[in-house]
C-alpha atoms as a PDB file:
ATOM      1  CA  MET A   1      -1.175 -22.874  11.334  1.00  0.00           C
ATOM      2  CA  ASP A   2      -2.765 -20.894   8.527  1.00  0.00           C
ATOM      3  CA  MET A   3      -3.591 -17.345   9.694  1.00  0.00           C
ATOM      4  CA  ARG A   4      -5.832 -16.798   6.629  1.00  0.00           C
ATOM      5  CA  LEU A   5      -5.325 -13.454   4.980  1.00  0.00           C
ATOM      6  CA  LYS A   6      -8.520 -12.025   3.601  1.00  0.00           C
ATOM      7  CA  ARG A   7      -9.353 -13.050   0.032  1.00  0.00           C
ATOM      8  CA  VAL A   8      -8.821 -10.719  -2.901  1.00  0.00           C
ATOM      9  CA  SER A   9     -12.138  -9.255  -4.022  1.00  0.00           C
ATOM     10  CA  VAL A  10     -13.549  -9.819  -7.503  1.00  0.00           C
ATOM     11  CA  ASN A  11     -13.400  -6.059  -8.094  1.00  0.00           C
ATOM     12  CA  VAL A  12      -9.639  -6.026  -7.507  1.00  0.00           C
ATOM     13  CA  LEU A  13      -9.197  -8.902  -9.940  1.00  0.00           C
ATOM     14  CA  ALA A  14     -11.280  -7.091 -12.555  1.00  0.00           C
ATOM     15  CA  VAL A  15      -9.283  -3.866 -12.149  1.00  0.00           C
ATOM     16  CA  SER A  16      -6.018  -5.802 -12.363  1.00  0.00           C
ATOM     17  CA  LEU A  17      -7.092  -7.625 -15.507  1.00  0.00           C
ATOM     18  CA  VAL A  18      -8.182  -4.382 -17.166  1.00  0.00           C
ATOM     19  CA  LEU A  19      -5.002  -2.480 -16.219  1.00  0.00           C
ATOM     20  CA  THR A  20      -2.503  -5.222 -16.984  1.00  0.00           C
ATOM     21  CA  THR A  21      -4.067  -6.949 -19.996  1.00  0.00           C
ATOM     22  CA  LEU A  22      -6.973  -5.245 -21.708  1.00  0.00           C
ATOM     23  CA  LEU A  23      -5.697  -1.663 -21.569  1.00  0.00           C
ATOM     24  CA  PRO A  24      -2.252  -2.490 -23.037  1.00  0.00           C
ATOM     25  CA  LEU A  25      -3.885  -4.592 -25.771  1.00  0.00           C
ATOM     26  CA  ALA A  26      -6.289  -1.756 -26.603  1.00  0.00           C
ATOM     27  CA  ILE A  27      -3.412   0.728 -26.777  1.00  0.00           C
ATOM     28  CA  MET A  28      -1.527  -1.639 -29.066  1.00  0.00           C
ATOM     29  CA  ALA A  29      -4.562  -2.014 -31.311  1.00  0.00           C
ATOM     30  CA  VAL A  30      -5.210   1.732 -31.539  1.00  0.00           C
ATOM     31  CA  THR A  31      -1.588   2.599 -32.289  1.00  0.00           C
ATOM     32  CA  LEU A  32      -0.762  -0.298 -34.604  1.00  0.00           C
ATOM     33  CA  LEU A  33      -3.919  -0.745 -36.683  1.00  0.00           C
ATOM     34  CA  PRO A  34      -3.710   2.550 -38.607  1.00  0.00           C
ATOM     35  CA  ALA A  35      -0.045   1.943 -39.406  1.00  0.00           C
ATOM     36  CA  ARG A  36       1.183  -0.593 -41.879  1.00  0.00           C
ATOM     37  CA  ILE A  37       2.650  -3.099 -39.469  1.00  0.00           C
ATOM     38  CA  ASP A  38       4.298  -6.453 -39.637  1.00  0.00           C
ATOM     39  CA  TRP A  39       1.647  -8.804 -38.219  1.00  0.00           C
ATOM     40  CA  MET A  40       4.310 -11.428 -37.646  1.00  0.00           C
ATOM     41  CA  MET A  41       5.621  -9.195 -34.830  1.00  0.00           C
ATOM     42  CA  ALA A  42       2.311  -7.774 -33.590  1.00  0.00           C
ATOM     43  CA  VAL A  43       0.602 -11.101 -32.845  1.00  0.00           C
ATOM     44  CA  PRO A  44       3.410 -12.543 -30.663  1.00  0.00           C
ATOM     45  CA  THR A  45       3.701  -9.198 -28.877  1.00  0.00           C
ATOM     46  CA  ALA A  46      -0.039  -9.207 -28.142  1.00  0.00           C
ATOM     47  CA  ILE A  47       0.168 -12.785 -26.875  1.00  0.00           C
ATOM     48  CA  PHE A  48       3.101 -11.833 -24.630  1.00  0.00           C
ATOM     49  CA  VAL A  49       1.242  -8.800 -23.213  1.00  0.00           C
ATOM     50  CA  ALA A  50      -1.868 -10.904 -22.541  1.00  0.00           C
ATOM     51  CA  ALA A  51       0.173 -13.629 -20.833  1.00  0.00           C
ATOM     52  CA  LEU A  52       2.097 -11.121 -18.724  1.00  0.00           C
ATOM     53  CA  GLY A  53      -1.073  -9.330 -17.617  1.00  0.00           C
ATOM     54  CA  SER A  54      -2.817 -12.588 -16.799  1.00  0.00           C
ATOM     55  CA  GLY A  55       0.235 -13.700 -14.803  1.00  0.00           C
ATOM     56  CA  ILE A  56       0.191 -10.503 -12.760  1.00  0.00           C
ATOM     57  CA  THR A  57      -3.529 -10.912 -12.094  1.00  0.00           C
ATOM     58  CA  PHE A  58      -2.966 -14.522 -11.011  1.00  0.00           C
ATOM     59  CA  ALA A  59      -0.053 -13.491  -8.758  1.00  0.00           C
ATOM     60  CA  ILE A  60      -2.158 -11.093  -6.707  1.00  0.00           C
ATOM     61  CA  THR A  61      -4.468 -13.957  -5.758  1.00  0.00           C
ATOM     62  CA  ARG A  62      -1.562 -15.822  -4.120  1.00  0.00           C
ATOM     63  CA  ASN A  63      -1.584 -14.394  -0.604  1.00  0.00           C
ATOM     64  CA  HIS A  64      -1.050 -16.277   2.609  1.00  0.00           C
ATOM     65  CA  ALA A  65       0.218 -15.975   6.155  1.00  0.00           C
ATOM     66  CA  ARG A  66       1.337 -19.185   7.823  1.00  0.00           C
ATOM     67  CA  LEU A  67       2.790 -19.951  11.215  1.00  0.00           C
ATOM     68  CA  GLU A  68       5.055 -23.000  10.867  1.00  0.00           C
ATOM     69  CA  HIS A  69       7.777 -24.299  13.165  1.00  0.00           C
ATOM     70  CA  GLY A  70       8.155 -21.009  15.043  1.00  0.00           C
ATOM     71  CA  ARG A  71       8.310 -18.913  11.853  1.00  0.00           C
ATOM     72  CA  LEU A  72       5.805 -16.543  10.301  1.00  0.00           C
ATOM     73  CA  ARG A  73       5.751 -17.012   6.526  1.00  0.00           C
ATOM     74  CA  LEU A  74       4.034 -14.255   4.566  1.00  0.00           C
ATOM     75  CA  ARG A  75       3.369 -14.117   0.845  1.00  0.00           C
ATOM     76  CA  ALA A  76       1.616 -11.299  -0.959  1.00  0.00           C
ATOM     77  CA  ALA A  77       1.787 -11.400  -4.769  1.00  0.00           C
ATOM     78  CA  PHE A  78       5.507 -11.186  -5.685  1.00  0.00           C
ATOM     79  CA  TYR A  79       6.619 -10.292  -2.146  1.00  0.00           C
ATOM     80  CA  SER A  80       7.373 -12.581   0.760  1.00  0.00           C
ATOM     81  CA  ARG A  81       8.846 -12.542   4.260  1.00  0.00           C
ATOM     82  CA  ASP A  82       9.932 -15.420   6.459  1.00  0.00           C
ATOM     83  CA  LEU A  83      10.510 -14.340  10.053  1.00  0.00           C
ATOM     84  CA  PRO A  84      11.203 -16.218  13.272  1.00  0.00           C
ATOM     85  CA  VAL A  85       8.444 -15.390  15.751  1.00  0.00           C
ATOM     86  CA  GLN A  86      11.139 -14.140  18.161  1.00  0.00           C
ATOM     87  CA  GLU A  87      11.789 -11.212  15.768  1.00  0.00           C
ATOM     88  CA  LEU A  88       8.202  -9.993  16.134  1.00  0.00           C
ATOM     89  CA  ARG A  89       7.590  -7.414  18.848  1.00  0.00           C
ATOM     90  CA  LEU A  90       4.259  -8.933  19.822  1.00  0.00           C
ATOM     91  CA  ASP A  91       3.986  -6.819  22.976  1.00  0.00           C
ATOM     92  CA  GLU A  92       3.602  -3.769  20.693  1.00  0.00           C
ATOM     93  CA  ALA A  93       1.303  -5.437  18.145  1.00  0.00           C
ATOM     94  CA  GLU A  94      -2.143  -3.951  17.664  1.00  0.00           C
ATOM     95  CA  VAL A  95      -5.461  -5.204  16.393  1.00  0.00           C
ATOM     96  CA  LEU A  96      -6.595  -2.183  14.406  1.00  0.00           C
ATOM     97  CA  ALA A  97     -10.108  -0.830  14.561  1.00  0.00           C
ATOM     98  CA  PRO A  98     -11.840  -0.088  11.249  1.00  0.00           C
ATOM     99  CA  GLY A  99     -10.990   3.428  10.163  1.00  0.00           C
ATOM    100  CA  ASN A 100      -7.691   3.541  12.073  1.00  0.00           C
ATOM    101  CA  ALA A 101      -5.444   5.459   9.668  1.00  0.00           C
ATOM    102  CA  ARG A 102      -2.366   5.739  11.881  1.00  0.00           C
ATOM    103  CA  TYR A 103      -0.531   2.886  10.145  1.00  0.00           C
ATOM    104  CA  ALA A 104      -2.159   3.294   6.743  1.00  0.00           C
ATOM    105  CA  PRO A 105       0.319   2.892   3.886  1.00  0.00           C
ATOM    106  CA  SER A 106       0.880   6.260   2.260  1.00  0.00           C
ATOM    107  CA  ILE A 107       3.999   5.966   0.076  1.00  0.00           C
ATOM    108  CA  ARG A 108       4.667   2.866  -2.009  1.00  0.00           C
ATOM    109  CA  THR A 109       8.416   2.229  -2.128  1.00  0.00           C
ATOM    110  CA  ASN A 110       8.372  -1.204  -3.799  1.00  0.00           C
ATOM    111  CA  GLY A 111       4.960  -2.734  -3.997  1.00  0.00           C
ATOM    112  CA  ILE A 112       1.655  -3.176  -5.754  1.00  0.00           C
ATOM    113  CA  GLY A 113      -1.154  -0.747  -5.093  1.00  0.00           C
ATOM    114  CA  LEU A 114      -4.564  -1.215  -6.650  1.00  0.00           C
ATOM    115  CA  PRO A 115      -7.899   0.009  -5.334  1.00  0.00           C
ATOM    116  CA  GLY A 116      -8.594  -2.389  -2.452  1.00  0.00           C
ATOM    117  CA  TYR A 117      -5.274  -4.259  -2.704  1.00  0.00           C
ATOM    118  CA  GLN A 118      -1.802  -3.486  -1.398  1.00  0.00           C
ATOM    119  CA  ALA A 119       1.245  -5.738  -1.199  1.00  0.00           C
ATOM    120  CA  GLY A 120       4.955  -5.132  -0.755  1.00  0.00           C
ATOM    121  CA  TRP A 121       6.957  -2.323   0.820  1.00  0.00           C
ATOM    122  CA  PHE A 122       5.340   0.964   1.844  1.00  0.00           C
ATOM    123  CA  ARG A 123       5.850   3.839   4.258  1.00  0.00           C
ATOM    124  CA  ALA A 124       3.169   4.511   6.837  1.00  0.00           C
ATOM    125  CA  ARG A 125       1.750   7.948   7.471  1.00  0.00           C
ATOM    126  CA  ILE A 126       3.944   8.035  10.561  1.00  0.00           C
ATOM    127  CA  ARG A 127       6.959   7.381   8.253  1.00  0.00           C
ATOM    128  CA  GLU A 128       7.524   3.843   9.498  1.00  0.00           C
ATOM    129  CA  ARG A 129       8.637   1.230   6.961  1.00  0.00           C
ATOM    130  CA  LEU A 130       5.934  -1.416   6.382  1.00  0.00           C
ATOM    131  CA  PHE A 131       5.688  -4.810   4.756  1.00  0.00           C
ATOM    132  CA  VAL A 132       2.064  -4.854   3.664  1.00  0.00           C
ATOM    133  CA  ALA A 133      -0.106  -7.873   2.868  1.00  0.00           C
ATOM    134  CA  VAL A 134      -3.571  -6.387   2.481  1.00  0.00           C
ATOM    135  CA  PRO A 135      -5.536  -8.257  -0.165  1.00  0.00           C
ATOM    136  CA  ARG A 136      -8.709  -6.532   0.965  1.00  0.00           C
ATOM    137  CA  THR A 137      -8.752  -3.240   2.816  1.00  0.00           C
ATOM    138  CA  PRO A 138      -8.787  -2.249   5.597  1.00  0.00           C
ATOM    139  CA  ALA A 139      -5.764  -3.729   7.334  1.00  0.00           C
ATOM    140  CA  ASN A 140      -6.559  -5.025  10.792  1.00  0.00           C
ATOM    141  CA  LEU A 141      -3.285  -6.261  12.315  1.00  0.00           C
ATOM    142  CA  TYR A 142      -0.098  -4.270  12.938  1.00  0.00           C
ATOM    143  CA  ILE A 143       3.024  -6.114  14.142  1.00  0.00           C
ATOM    144  CA  PRO A 144       6.382  -4.311  14.581  1.00  0.00           C
ATOM    145  CA  THR A 145       9.552  -6.352  14.128  1.00  0.00           C
ATOM    146  CA  THR A 146      13.111  -6.119  15.423  1.00  0.00           C
ATOM    147  CA  GLN A 147      14.297  -5.713  11.811  1.00  0.00           C
ATOM    148  CA  GLY A 148      13.396  -2.019  11.453  1.00  0.00           C
ATOM    149  CA  TYR A 149       9.997  -2.434   9.823  1.00  0.00           C
ATOM    150  CA  ALA A 150       6.486  -3.490  10.759  1.00  0.00           C
ATOM    151  CA  LEU A 151       3.985  -5.910   9.251  1.00  0.00           C
ATOM    152  CA  LEU A 152       0.566  -4.644   8.218  1.00  0.00           C
ATOM    153  CA  LEU A 153      -1.859  -7.473   7.499  1.00  0.00           C
ATOM    154  CA  ALA A 154      -5.516  -8.040   6.735  1.00  0.00           C
ATOM    155  CA  VAL A 155      -6.356 -11.381   8.353  1.00  0.00           C
ATOM    156  CA  GLU A 156      -9.722 -13.063   8.865  1.00  0.00           C
ATOM    157  CA  ASP A 157      -9.352 -13.206  12.674  1.00  0.00           C
ATOM    158  CA  PRO A 158      -6.808 -10.609  13.868  1.00  0.00           C
ATOM    159  CA  ALA A 159      -7.195 -11.317  17.595  1.00  0.00           C
ATOM    160  CA  GLY A 160      -6.916 -15.068  17.010  1.00  0.00           C
ATOM    161  CA  ALA A 161      -3.845 -14.592  14.795  1.00  0.00           C
ATOM    162  CA  LEU A 162      -2.156 -12.483  17.481  1.00  0.00           C
ATOM    163  CA  ARG A 163      -2.959 -15.100  20.159  1.00  0.00           C
ATOM    164  CA  ALA A 164      -1.533 -17.849  17.925  1.00  0.00           C
ATOM    165  CA  LEU A 165       1.674 -15.872  17.417  1.00  0.00           C
ATOM    166  CA  GLN A 166       2.017 -15.250  21.146  1.00  0.00           C
ATOM    167  CA  ALA A 167       1.368 -18.916  21.910  1.00  0.00           C
ATOM    168  CA  SER A 168       4.072 -19.994  19.453  1.00  0.00           C
ATOM    169  CA  LEU A 169       6.793 -18.098  21.326  1.00  0.00           C
ATOM    170  CA  PRO A 170       9.161 -20.291  23.314  1.00  0.00           C
ATOM    171  CA  ALA A 171       8.628 -19.959  27.083  1.00  0.00           C
ATOM    172  CA  ALA A 172      11.714 -17.807  27.675  1.00  0.00           C
ATOM    173  CA  ASP A 173      10.754 -15.385  24.914  1.00  0.00           C
ATOM    174  CA  ALA A 174       7.163 -15.254  26.122  1.00  0.00           C
ATOM    175  CA  ASP A 175       8.400 -14.333  29.627  1.00  0.00           C
ATOM    176  CA  SER A 176      10.641 -11.564  28.253  1.00  0.00           C
ATOM    177  CA  GLN A 177       7.775 -10.215  26.108  1.00  0.00           C
ATOM    178  CA  ALA A 178       5.480 -10.283  29.156  1.00  0.00           C
ATOM    179  CA  SER A 179       8.059  -8.498  31.314  1.00  0.00           C
ATOM    180  CA  ARG A 180       8.500  -5.788  28.657  1.00  0.00           C
ATOM    181  CA  THR A 181       4.729  -5.380  28.521  1.00  0.00           C
ATOM    182  CA  SER A 182       4.432  -5.126  32.307  1.00  0.00           C
ATOM    183  CA  SER A 183       7.328  -2.650  32.503  1.00  0.00           C
ATOM    184  CA  LEU A 184       5.543  -0.400  29.983  1.00  0.00           C
ATOM    185  CA  SER A 185       2.391  -0.265  32.155  1.00  0.00           C
END
């Protein structure tokens, strides 16, 4: 089942293209044009920079969250996770209200952060380690795992995604999750 992460906005793509391609090419042009340079080196370097920047921009459009064969498969740009549903602490998962900043990523430890786009590893404001797949802010689904980190996602239908994850649990795991939930009440 495809959980459908939100699409990357056109603004994010434009910012990415400017930062990763046009700005480096402009810096190259400004620094190299006044100098007497070897054009045989400058042209291939410019082509390499343009290709690299375009590749990065393309990579941030490749985001998905899929539920297949009892596993949650996440991909956000260059980062991915593949977790059995049993490793998700679904009883503690939350559908986040707009403006909820409790789990907002604050420190990027190994990830991509552009205005309106975040992917990779971050620390939350509450110092929890997060794997973030937020192609369009704000994030709306928080899922802790048994692996010492939590997932922070921006999905089209957060309540439906959470129900699908809960429904994919084997019966024994669903009963143990339900008993943990009832013991917390």
